[in-house]
Amino acid sequence: MMAGPTLRSMALFLVVVCGQIGGSVLLGYTAGFTRPGWSVLCASVYAVSLFSLATLLKEGAPLSLMMPLLAAVVPLGSIAMALVVLGEPASWPRIALLSLSCVVVGLASLA
């Protein structure tokens, strides 16, 4: 069981988050998995992310903490990437409501 966050566990968590966000951004480039190069890259990014999550859990990270954290952090990062990288339009009320919902999920994991 993990005693507390270590540099390794924080690095693995960062890989999980970046992989989930990166994989989500890459999904648009796969054109429904009809473009082989982008599809392999997308699947590979997700695979590295899931491997890192499995490693975290194997090393003792509590699933009951990991999943709510990911449920809060990944959508916020995905929203930011969609706005910045993909140039998707979003109104301030939409961004605020999506962000608030992610924060609520994160807070609920602490209760």
N, C-alpha and C. Protein backbone atom coordinates (compact mmCIF):
# COMPACT_ATOMS: atom_id res chain seq x y z
N MET A 1 0.84 -1.18 0.00
CA MET A 1 0.00 0.00 0.00
C MET A 1 0.88 1.23 0.00
N MET A 2 0.50 2.24 -0.78
CA MET A 2 1.29 3.46 -0.88
C MET A 2 1.16 4.27 0.41
N ALA A 3 2.28 4.77 0.90
CA ALA A 3 2.27 5.59 2.12
C ALA A 3 1.85 7.01 1.81
N GLY A 4 2.16 7.48 0.66
CA GLY A 4 1.84 8.85 0.26
C GLY A 4 2.31 9.05 -1.17
N PRO A 5 2.01 10.20 -1.73
CA PRO A 5 2.42 10.43 -3.11
C PRO A 5 3.95 10.50 -3.23
N THR A 6 4.48 9.74 -4.14
CA THR A 6 5.91 9.77 -4.41
C THR A 6 6.11 10.48 -5.75
N LEU A 7 7.34 10.81 -6.06
CA LEU A 7 7.64 11.44 -7.34
C LEU A 7 7.22 10.52 -8.48
N ARG A 8 7.46 9.21 -8.31
CA ARG A 8 7.08 8.23 -9.34
C ARG A 8 5.56 8.20 -9.53
N SER A 9 4.81 8.17 -8.43
CA SER A 9 3.36 8.10 -8.54
C SER A 9 2.79 9.38 -9.16
N MET A 10 3.39 10.52 -8.83
CA MET A 10 2.92 11.77 -9.43
C MET A 10 3.24 11.80 -10.93
N ALA A 11 4.40 11.27 -11.31
CA ALA A 11 4.77 11.22 -12.73
C ALA A 11 3.83 10.28 -13.49
N LEU A 12 3.54 9.13 -12.89
CA LEU A 12 2.60 8.19 -13.53
C LEU A 12 1.21 8.81 -13.67
N PHE A 13 0.77 9.53 -12.63
CA PHE A 13 -0.54 10.18 -12.71
C PHE A 13 -0.55 11.22 -13.83
N LEU A 14 0.54 11.95 -13.98
CA LEU A 14 0.65 12.94 -15.05
C LEU A 14 0.59 12.27 -16.42
N VAL A 15 1.25 11.11 -16.55
CA VAL A 15 1.20 10.36 -17.81
C VAL A 15 -0.23 9.91 -18.09
N VAL A 16 -0.94 9.45 -17.07
CA VAL A 16 -2.33 9.02 -17.24
C VAL A 16 -3.18 10.19 -17.74
N VAL A 17 -3.07 11.33 -17.06
CA VAL A 17 -3.88 12.50 -17.42
C VAL A 17 -3.55 12.98 -18.83
N CYS A 18 -2.26 13.15 -19.11
CA CYS A 18 -1.86 13.62 -20.44
C CYS A 18 -2.25 12.63 -21.53
N GLY A 19 -2.16 11.35 -21.22
CA GLY A 19 -2.55 10.34 -22.19
C GLY A 19 -4.04 10.36 -22.48
N GLN A 20 -4.84 10.52 -21.45
CA GLN A 20 -6.28 10.57 -21.66
C GLN A 20 -6.69 11.82 -22.45
N ILE A 21 -6.08 12.95 -22.10
CA ILE A 21 -6.39 14.19 -22.82
C ILE A 21 -5.85 14.12 -24.25
N GLY A 22 -4.61 13.67 -24.38
CA GLY A 22 -4.02 13.55 -25.71
C GLY A 22 -4.78 12.59 -26.60
N GLY A 23 -5.18 11.46 -26.04
CA GLY A 23 -5.97 10.50 -26.81
C GLY A 23 -7.30 11.09 -27.25
N SER A 24 -7.91 11.88 -26.39
CA SER A 24 -9.18 12.51 -26.74
C SER A 24 -9.01 13.50 -27.88
N VAL A 25 -7.93 14.27 -27.84
CA VAL A 25 -7.67 15.23 -28.92
C VAL A 25 -7.39 14.48 -30.22
N LEU A 26 -6.64 13.39 -30.14
CA LEU A 26 -6.30 12.62 -31.34
C LEU A 26 -7.49 11.92 -31.97
N LEU A 27 -8.53 11.67 -31.18
CA LEU A 27 -9.72 11.00 -31.74
C LEU A 27 -10.27 11.74 -32.96
N GLY A 28 -10.26 13.06 -32.91
CA GLY A 28 -10.76 13.84 -34.04
C GLY A 28 -9.95 13.62 -35.31
N TYR A 29 -8.65 13.42 -35.16
CA TYR A 29 -7.78 13.22 -36.31
C TYR A 29 -7.91 11.83 -36.91
N THR A 30 -8.48 10.88 -36.16
CA THR A 30 -8.60 9.51 -36.69
C THR A 30 -9.72 9.38 -37.70
N ALA A 31 -10.61 10.37 -37.75
CA ALA A 31 -11.77 10.33 -38.66
C ALA A 31 -12.54 9.02 -38.48
N GLY A 32 -12.88 8.73 -37.23
CA GLY A 32 -13.63 7.50 -36.94
C GLY A 32 -12.79 6.26 -37.14
N PHE A 33 -11.51 6.36 -36.87
CA PHE A 33 -10.55 5.26 -37.03
C PHE A 33 -10.46 4.78 -38.47
N THR A 34 -10.63 5.70 -39.41
CA THR A 34 -10.46 5.36 -40.83
C THR A 34 -9.11 5.82 -41.36
N ARG A 35 -8.35 6.56 -40.56
CA ARG A 35 -7.01 7.00 -40.95
C ARG A 35 -6.00 6.21 -40.12
N PRO A 36 -5.35 5.23 -40.73
CA PRO A 36 -4.51 4.29 -39.98
C PRO A 36 -3.43 4.93 -39.11
N GLY A 37 -2.68 5.86 -39.64
CA GLY A 37 -1.59 6.46 -38.87
C GLY A 37 -2.09 7.14 -37.60
N TRP A 38 -3.08 7.98 -37.74
CA TRP A 38 -3.65 8.68 -36.58
C TRP A 38 -4.31 7.69 -35.62
N SER A 39 -4.93 6.66 -36.17
CA SER A 39 -5.62 5.67 -35.34
C SER A 39 -4.63 4.89 -34.48
N VAL A 40 -3.51 4.48 -35.07
CA VAL A 40 -2.49 3.76 -34.31
C VAL A 40 -1.90 4.66 -33.23
N LEU A 41 -1.63 5.92 -33.58
CA LEU A 41 -1.10 6.87 -32.61
C LEU A 41 -2.07 7.07 -31.45
N CYS A 42 -3.34 7.27 -31.77
CA CYS A 42 -4.37 7.47 -30.75
C CYS A 42 -4.46 6.25 -29.83
N ALA A 43 -4.55 5.07 -30.40
CA ALA A 43 -4.64 3.84 -29.60
C ALA A 43 -3.39 3.65 -28.75
N SER A 44 -2.24 4.01 -29.28
CA SER A 44 -0.98 3.87 -28.53
C SER A 44 -0.95 4.81 -27.34
N VAL A 45 -1.41 6.04 -27.53
CA VAL A 45 -1.44 7.02 -26.44
C VAL A 45 -2.37 6.52 -25.34
N TYR A 46 -3.54 6.04 -25.72
CA TYR A 46 -4.47 5.49 -24.73
C TYR A 46 -3.87 4.27 -24.02
N ALA A 47 -3.17 3.42 -24.76
CA ALA A 47 -2.57 2.22 -24.17
C ALA A 47 -1.51 2.58 -23.13
N VAL A 48 -0.68 3.56 -23.43
CA VAL A 48 0.34 4.01 -22.47
C VAL A 48 -0.33 4.58 -21.23
N SER A 49 -1.40 5.34 -21.44
CA SER A 49 -2.13 5.93 -20.32
C SER A 49 -2.75 4.85 -19.42
N LEU A 50 -3.37 3.85 -20.03
CA LEU A 50 -4.00 2.78 -19.25
C LEU A 50 -2.95 1.91 -18.56
N PHE A 51 -1.82 1.69 -19.22
CA PHE A 51 -0.73 0.94 -18.59
C PHE A 51 -0.23 1.69 -17.35
N SER A 52 -0.09 3.00 -17.47
CA SER A 52 0.36 3.82 -16.34
C SER A 52 -0.64 3.77 -15.19
N LEU A 53 -1.93 3.81 -15.52
CA LEU A 53 -2.96 3.72 -14.49
C LEU A 53 -2.90 2.35 -13.81
N ALA A 54 -2.76 1.30 -14.59
CA ALA A 54 -2.66 -0.04 -14.02
C ALA A 54 -1.43 -0.16 -13.12
N THR A 55 -0.33 0.45 -13.52
CA THR A 55 0.88 0.44 -12.69
C THR A 55 0.65 1.18 -11.38
N LEU A 56 -0.01 2.33 -11.45
CA LEU A 56 -0.34 3.08 -10.23
C LEU A 56 -1.17 2.24 -9.27
N LEU A 57 -2.18 1.58 -9.80
CA LEU A 57 -3.06 0.76 -8.97
C LEU A 57 -2.30 -0.43 -8.39
N LYS A 58 -1.43 -1.04 -9.21
CA LYS A 58 -0.62 -2.18 -8.74
C LYS A 58 0.29 -1.77 -7.59
N GLU A 59 0.78 -0.52 -7.65
CA GLU A 59 1.70 -0.03 -6.62
C GLU A 59 0.97 0.50 -5.39
N GLY A 60 -0.35 0.38 -5.38
CA GLY A 60 -1.09 0.70 -4.17
C GLY A 60 -1.93 1.95 -4.18
N ALA A 61 -1.99 2.66 -5.30
CA ALA A 61 -2.84 3.84 -5.34
C ALA A 61 -4.30 3.39 -5.23
N PRO A 62 -5.08 4.05 -4.39
CA PRO A 62 -6.48 3.63 -4.21
C PRO A 62 -7.35 3.99 -5.42
N LEU A 63 -8.02 3.00 -5.95
CA LEU A 63 -8.93 3.21 -7.09
C LEU A 63 -10.01 4.22 -6.74
N SER A 64 -10.45 4.20 -5.47
CA SER A 64 -11.51 5.12 -5.04
C SER A 64 -11.05 6.58 -5.05
N LEU A 65 -9.76 6.82 -5.11
CA LEU A 65 -9.23 8.17 -5.23
C LEU A 65 -8.86 8.49 -6.68
N MET A 66 -8.28 7.52 -7.37
CA MET A 66 -7.82 7.75 -8.75
C MET A 66 -8.96 8.09 -9.70
N MET A 67 -10.04 7.34 -9.65
CA MET A 67 -11.11 7.55 -10.62
C MET A 67 -11.80 8.90 -10.45
N PRO A 68 -12.16 9.33 -9.24
CA PRO A 68 -12.75 10.66 -9.12
C PRO A 68 -11.77 11.77 -9.51
N LEU A 69 -10.50 11.61 -9.17
CA LEU A 69 -9.51 12.62 -9.59
C LEU A 69 -9.44 12.71 -11.11
N LEU A 70 -9.38 11.56 -11.76
CA LEU A 70 -9.35 11.56 -13.21
C LEU A 70 -10.65 12.12 -13.80
N ALA A 71 -11.76 11.82 -13.15
CA ALA A 71 -13.06 12.32 -13.62
C ALA A 71 -13.16 13.84 -13.51
N ALA A 72 -12.35 14.43 -12.65
CA ALA A 72 -12.35 15.89 -12.51
C ALA A 72 -11.28 16.53 -13.40
N VAL A 73 -10.09 15.97 -13.42
CA VAL A 73 -8.96 16.59 -14.10
C VAL A 73 -9.01 16.41 -15.62
N VAL A 74 -9.33 15.22 -16.08
CA VAL A 74 -9.30 14.95 -17.52
C VAL A 74 -10.32 15.80 -18.29
N PRO A 75 -11.57 15.93 -17.85
CA PRO A 75 -12.48 16.79 -18.60
C PRO A 75 -12.04 18.26 -18.65
N LEU A 76 -11.50 18.76 -17.54
CA LEU A 76 -11.02 20.15 -17.55
C LEU A 76 -9.88 20.33 -18.55
N GLY A 77 -8.96 19.39 -18.56
CA GLY A 77 -7.87 19.45 -19.53
C GLY A 77 -8.35 19.29 -20.95
N SER A 78 -9.34 18.43 -21.15
CA SER A 78 -9.89 18.22 -22.49
C SER A 78 -10.60 19.47 -22.99
N ILE A 79 -11.30 20.15 -22.10
CA ILE A 79 -11.97 21.40 -22.47
C ILE A 79 -10.92 22.42 -22.91
N ALA A 80 -9.87 22.55 -22.13
CA ALA A 80 -8.81 23.50 -22.46
C ALA A 80 -8.17 23.16 -23.81
N MET A 81 -7.87 21.89 -24.03
CA MET A 81 -7.25 21.47 -25.28
C MET A 81 -8.18 21.68 -26.47
N ALA A 82 -9.47 21.41 -26.28
CA ALA A 82 -10.43 21.61 -27.37
C ALA A 82 -10.49 23.09 -27.77
N LEU A 83 -10.41 23.97 -26.79
CA LEU A 83 -10.44 25.40 -27.08
C LEU A 83 -9.14 25.87 -27.75
N VAL A 84 -8.01 25.42 -27.20
CA VAL A 84 -6.71 25.91 -27.66
C VAL A 84 -6.23 25.20 -28.93
N VAL A 85 -6.22 23.87 -28.93
CA VAL A 85 -5.66 23.10 -30.04
C VAL A 85 -6.64 22.97 -31.20
N LEU A 86 -7.87 22.59 -30.88
CA LEU A 86 -8.85 22.34 -31.94
C LEU A 86 -9.63 23.59 -32.34
N GLY A 87 -9.49 24.67 -31.56
CA GLY A 87 -10.16 25.92 -31.89
C GLY A 87 -11.68 25.87 -31.78
N GLU A 88 -12.19 24.99 -30.92
CA GLU A 88 -13.64 24.91 -30.75
C GLU A 88 -14.17 26.15 -30.05
N PRO A 89 -15.32 26.62 -30.48
CA PRO A 89 -15.90 27.78 -29.81
C PRO A 89 -16.59 27.35 -28.51
N ALA A 90 -16.56 28.22 -27.54
CA ALA A 90 -17.27 27.94 -26.29
C ALA A 90 -17.60 29.26 -25.60
N SER A 91 -18.81 29.34 -25.11
CA SER A 91 -19.22 30.54 -24.39
C SER A 91 -18.71 30.45 -22.95
N TRP A 92 -18.58 31.58 -22.31
CA TRP A 92 -18.14 31.59 -20.91
C TRP A 92 -19.10 30.82 -20.00
N PRO A 93 -20.43 30.94 -20.18
CA PRO A 93 -21.33 30.14 -19.33
C PRO A 93 -21.10 28.63 -19.51
N ARG A 94 -20.87 28.19 -20.75
CA ARG A 94 -20.62 26.76 -21.00
C ARG A 94 -19.34 26.32 -20.30
N ILE A 95 -18.27 27.10 -20.45
CA ILE A 95 -17.00 26.76 -19.82
C ILE A 95 -17.16 26.74 -18.30
N ALA A 96 -17.87 27.73 -17.76
CA ALA A 96 -18.06 27.82 -16.31
C ALA A 96 -18.84 26.62 -15.78
N LEU A 97 -19.92 26.24 -16.46
CA LEU A 97 -20.74 25.11 -16.00
C LEU A 97 -19.97 23.79 -16.09
N LEU A 98 -19.25 23.58 -17.18
CA LEU A 98 -18.46 22.35 -17.30
C LEU A 98 -17.37 22.31 -16.24
N SER A 99 -16.72 23.44 -16.01
CA SER A 99 -15.67 23.49 -14.99
C SER A 99 -16.24 23.25 -13.60
N LEU A 100 -17.38 23.87 -13.32
CA LEU A 100 -18.02 23.70 -12.02
C LEU A 100 -18.39 22.23 -11.78
N SER A 101 -18.91 21.57 -12.80
CA SER A 101 -19.28 20.17 -12.63
C SER A 101 -18.04 19.31 -12.35
N CYS A 102 -16.93 19.61 -12.99
CA CYS A 102 -15.69 18.86 -12.73
C CYS A 102 -15.18 19.11 -11.32
N VAL A 103 -15.28 20.34 -10.87
CA VAL A 103 -14.84 20.67 -9.51
C VAL A 103 -15.72 19.95 -8.49
N VAL A 104 -17.03 19.89 -8.74
CA VAL A 104 -17.95 19.20 -7.83
C VAL A 104 -17.60 17.71 -7.74
N VAL A 105 -17.28 17.10 -8.88
CA VAL A 105 -16.88 15.69 -8.87
C VAL A 105 -15.61 15.52 -8.05
N GLY A 106 -14.65 16.43 -8.25
CA GLY A 106 -13.41 16.36 -7.49
C GLY A 106 -13.64 16.51 -6.00
N LEU A 107 -14.48 17.44 -5.61
CA LEU A 107 -14.79 17.66 -4.20
C LEU A 107 -15.53 16.47 -3.60
N ALA A 108 -16.40 15.86 -4.40
CA ALA A 108 -17.17 14.71 -3.92
C ALA A 108 -16.23 13.55 -3.60
N SER A 109 -15.11 13.47 -4.31
CA SER A 109 -14.17 12.37 -4.05
C SER A 109 -13.46 12.54 -2.70
N LEU A 110 -13.46 13.74 -2.18
CA LEU A 110 -12.82 14.00 -0.90
C LEU A 110 -13.74 13.71 0.28
N ALA A 111 -15.05 13.66 0.03
CA ALA A 111 -16.01 13.47 1.12
C ALA A 111 -16.04 12.05 1.61
